[in-house]
Amino acid sequence: MTESHRSLLIVEDDTSFARALRRSFQRRGYCVEVCEGLDGLDSLLAATRFGYAVVDLKLASGSGLKVVKTLHDHDPHMRIVVLTGFASIVTAVEAIKLGACHYLAKPANTDDIEAAFGKTGGDAGVPLSPRPSSLKTLEWERIHQTLVETEFNISETARRLGLHRRTLARKLEKRRLT
């Protein structure tokens, strides 16, 4: 088993994004491995002790939240950052509960991710928004919460929300998933 405090696991199914992220972190002195999802994760964890992980929330094989749980169960000291273009309050809360140290919405760069690894506490000085959430934001949060509950199954999500599948697909197309 190899050990490195600067070892990083990237769990991302977008190969071009994972490749760019890998190169960027390697230039900063990290030893980087890439995995596309839960498949193959166990063998990587058996071979290498990772100090850090970047996990995409929406993976082709399912929810990145399962990956966060697996990583945290394997090593509670690993610094895990969830990176997603599909951000919502629901998944942010769940990611933190499952062991992520931070949650970043895309686009985020290597500087943002590395800074997130270093954050150990919350920031009580973050300004509160004076305006309540819009109906569109509340609708999006509900859609996303249901997507998470159904492990991103579009048909089941549409059924639970009482929407036609095509209507839900159009709404999701407007808020492009990355």
Protein backbone atom coordinates (compact mmCIF):
# COMPACT_ATOMS: atom_id res chain seq x y z
CA MET A 1 0.00 0.00 0.00
CA THR A 2 1.50 3.32 -1.02
CA GLU A 3 1.07 6.32 1.24
CA SER A 4 1.28 10.01 0.51
CA HIS A 5 -0.24 12.96 2.28
CA ARG A 6 -0.39 14.66 -1.15
CA SER A 7 -2.25 11.79 -2.81
CA LEU A 8 -5.51 12.70 -4.55
CA LEU A 9 -8.35 10.60 -5.89
CA ILE A 10 -10.56 12.16 -8.55
CA VAL A 11 -13.92 10.43 -9.04
CA GLU A 12 -15.25 11.88 -12.28
CA ASP A 13 -16.82 10.27 -15.34
CA ASP A 14 -16.11 13.18 -17.72
CA THR A 15 -12.73 12.00 -19.02
CA SER A 16 -11.60 15.32 -20.47
CA PHE A 17 -12.44 17.22 -17.29
CA ALA A 18 -10.79 14.52 -15.15
CA ARG A 19 -7.66 14.63 -17.33
CA ALA A 20 -7.40 18.43 -17.04
CA LEU A 21 -7.96 18.31 -13.27
CA ARG A 22 -5.40 15.54 -12.93
CA ARG A 23 -2.72 17.48 -14.84
CA SER A 24 -3.40 20.63 -12.84
CA PHE A 25 -3.01 18.84 -9.50
CA GLN A 26 0.05 16.93 -10.67
CA ARG A 27 1.73 20.26 -11.49
CA ARG A 28 1.09 21.19 -7.85
CA GLY A 29 2.88 18.09 -6.60
CA TYR A 30 -0.03 15.73 -5.99
CA CYS A 31 0.04 12.02 -6.80
CA VAL A 32 -3.28 11.63 -8.66
CA GLU A 33 -5.48 8.65 -9.51
CA VAL A 34 -8.77 8.87 -11.43
CA CYS A 35 -11.80 6.63 -11.05
CA GLU A 36 -15.11 6.90 -12.94
CA GLY A 37 -17.39 5.74 -10.11
CA LEU A 38 -17.91 3.03 -7.54
CA ASP A 39 -16.61 0.39 -9.98
CA GLY A 40 -12.92 -0.05 -9.32
CA LEU A 41 -12.96 2.18 -6.26
CA ASP A 42 -12.29 -0.65 -3.80
CA SER A 43 -9.13 -1.78 -5.62
CA LEU A 44 -7.79 1.80 -5.70
CA LEU A 45 -8.49 2.23 -1.99
CA ALA A 46 -6.73 -1.07 -1.24
CA ALA A 47 -3.64 -0.01 -3.22
CA THR A 48 -3.28 3.63 -2.18
CA ARG A 49 -3.97 5.72 0.89
CA PHE A 50 -5.47 8.98 -0.34
CA GLY A 51 -5.33 12.16 1.68
CA TYR A 52 -7.72 14.01 -0.63
CA ALA A 53 -10.60 13.28 -2.98
CA VAL A 54 -12.65 15.26 -5.48
CA VAL A 55 -15.99 13.63 -6.20
CA ASP A 56 -18.43 14.64 -8.93
CA LEU A 57 -22.01 14.52 -7.65
CA LYS A 58 -23.62 13.15 -10.81
CA LEU A 59 -21.83 10.12 -12.18
CA ALA A 60 -22.97 7.88 -15.01
CA SER A 61 -23.02 4.98 -12.56
CA GLY A 62 -25.19 6.87 -10.01
CA SER A 63 -24.87 9.38 -7.24
CA GLY A 64 -21.50 10.66 -6.08
CA LEU A 65 -22.98 10.76 -2.58
CA LYS A 66 -22.48 6.98 -2.40
CA VAL A 67 -18.83 7.51 -3.31
CA VAL A 68 -18.49 10.12 -0.54
CA LYS A 69 -19.93 7.66 1.98
CA THR A 70 -17.62 4.87 0.79
CA LEU A 71 -14.54 7.12 0.98
CA HIS A 72 -15.43 8.49 4.40
CA ASP A 73 -16.17 5.00 5.76
CA HIS A 74 -12.79 3.86 4.42
CA ASP A 75 -10.86 6.81 5.91
CA PRO A 76 -12.66 9.41 8.06
CA HIS A 77 -9.61 11.71 7.85
CA MET A 78 -9.67 11.98 4.05
CA ARG A 79 -10.47 15.53 2.86
CA ILE A 80 -13.34 15.08 0.38
CA VAL A 81 -14.66 17.88 -1.83
CA VAL A 82 -17.84 17.38 -3.82
CA LEU A 83 -17.74 19.22 -7.11
CA THR A 84 -20.92 19.58 -9.15
CA GLY A 85 -22.70 21.51 -11.83
CA PHE A 86 -25.92 20.30 -10.24
CA ALA A 87 -25.72 22.14 -6.91
CA SER A 88 -28.56 22.29 -4.42
CA ILE A 89 -28.98 22.79 -0.71
CA VAL A 90 -30.24 19.22 -0.32
CA THR A 91 -27.15 17.57 -1.80
CA ALA A 92 -24.79 20.02 -0.10
CA VAL A 93 -26.23 19.09 3.30
CA GLU A 94 -26.16 15.37 2.52
CA ALA A 95 -22.58 15.51 1.21
CA ILE A 96 -21.39 17.17 4.42
CA LYS A 97 -23.35 14.70 6.57
CA LEU A 98 -21.77 11.80 4.66
CA GLY A 99 -18.25 13.07 5.25
CA ALA A 100 -17.33 15.68 2.63
CA CYS A 101 -15.39 18.62 4.01
CA HIS A 102 -16.67 20.98 1.33
CA TYR A 103 -19.11 21.28 -1.58
CA LEU A 104 -18.33 23.40 -4.65
CA ALA A 105 -20.51 24.31 -7.60
CA LYS A 106 -18.95 24.18 -11.05
CA PRO A 107 -17.22 25.98 -12.53
CA ALA A 108 -14.51 25.65 -9.90
CA ASN A 109 -10.79 25.63 -10.58
CA THR A 110 -7.85 23.94 -8.90
CA ASP A 111 -7.30 26.95 -6.63
CA ASP A 112 -10.91 26.72 -5.39
CA ILE A 113 -10.64 22.98 -4.77
CA GLU A 114 -7.29 23.22 -3.00
CA ALA A 115 -8.63 26.05 -0.81
CA ALA A 116 -11.65 23.87 0.03
CA PHE A 117 -9.32 21.06 1.17
CA GLY A 118 -7.77 23.50 3.64
CA LYS A 119 -11.01 24.73 5.19
CA THR A 120 -11.62 23.05 8.52
CA GLY A 121 -14.57 25.02 9.82
CA GLY A 122 -17.48 27.12 8.78
CA ASP A 123 -17.43 30.85 8.20
CA ALA A 124 -19.85 32.68 10.52
CA GLY A 125 -19.09 35.88 8.61
CA VAL A 126 -20.74 34.74 5.37
CA PRO A 127 -23.38 37.36 4.54
CA LEU A 128 -26.99 36.26 4.67
CA SER A 129 -29.08 36.87 1.60
CA PRO A 130 -31.71 39.53 2.33
CA ARG A 131 -34.10 38.18 -0.26
CA PRO A 132 -36.11 34.95 -0.03
CA SER A 133 -35.73 32.17 -2.57
CA SER A 134 -37.63 32.58 -5.82
CA LEU A 135 -40.28 30.12 -6.98
CA LYS A 136 -37.89 28.92 -9.70
CA THR A 137 -35.21 28.24 -7.10
CA LEU A 138 -37.66 26.39 -4.85
CA GLU A 139 -38.91 24.36 -7.82
CA TRP A 140 -35.34 23.48 -8.80
CA GLU A 141 -34.50 22.46 -5.23
CA ARG A 142 -37.55 20.15 -5.10
CA ILE A 143 -36.70 18.62 -8.47
CA HIS A 144 -33.12 18.08 -7.38
CA GLN A 145 -34.10 16.60 -4.02
CA THR A 146 -36.32 14.08 -5.81
CA LEU A 147 -33.55 13.31 -8.33
CA VAL A 148 -31.21 12.50 -5.44
CA GLU A 149 -33.85 10.32 -3.77
CA THR A 150 -34.29 8.35 -7.03
CA GLU A 151 -30.54 8.21 -7.71
CA PHE A 152 -31.01 10.45 -10.78
CA ASN A 153 -33.63 8.24 -12.40
CA ILE A 154 -35.51 10.71 -14.63
CA SER A 155 -38.62 8.56 -15.15
CA GLU A 156 -39.07 7.84 -11.44
CA THR A 157 -38.42 11.49 -10.56
CA ALA A 158 -41.07 12.64 -13.03
CA ARG A 159 -43.55 10.12 -11.61
CA ARG A 160 -42.93 11.26 -8.01
CA LEU A 161 -43.28 14.92 -8.97
CA GLY A 162 -46.44 14.32 -10.99
CA LEU A 163 -44.79 15.62 -14.16
CA HIS A 164 -44.66 14.19 -17.64
CA ARG A 165 -41.18 12.82 -18.32
CA ARG A 166 -40.69 15.20 -21.29
CA THR A 167 -41.68 18.20 -19.15
CA LEU A 168 -39.06 17.24 -16.57
CA ALA A 169 -36.49 16.66 -19.31
CA ARG A 170 -37.15 20.17 -20.67
CA LYS A 171 -36.72 21.69 -17.21
CA LEU A 172 -33.45 19.81 -16.73
CA GLU A 173 -32.25 20.89 -20.18
CA LYS A 174 -32.68 24.55 -19.14
CA ARG A 175 -30.36 23.94 -16.17
CA ARG A 176 -27.71 21.97 -17.98
CA LEU A 177 -26.22 19.10 -15.94
CA THR A 178 -22.42 18.92 -15.90
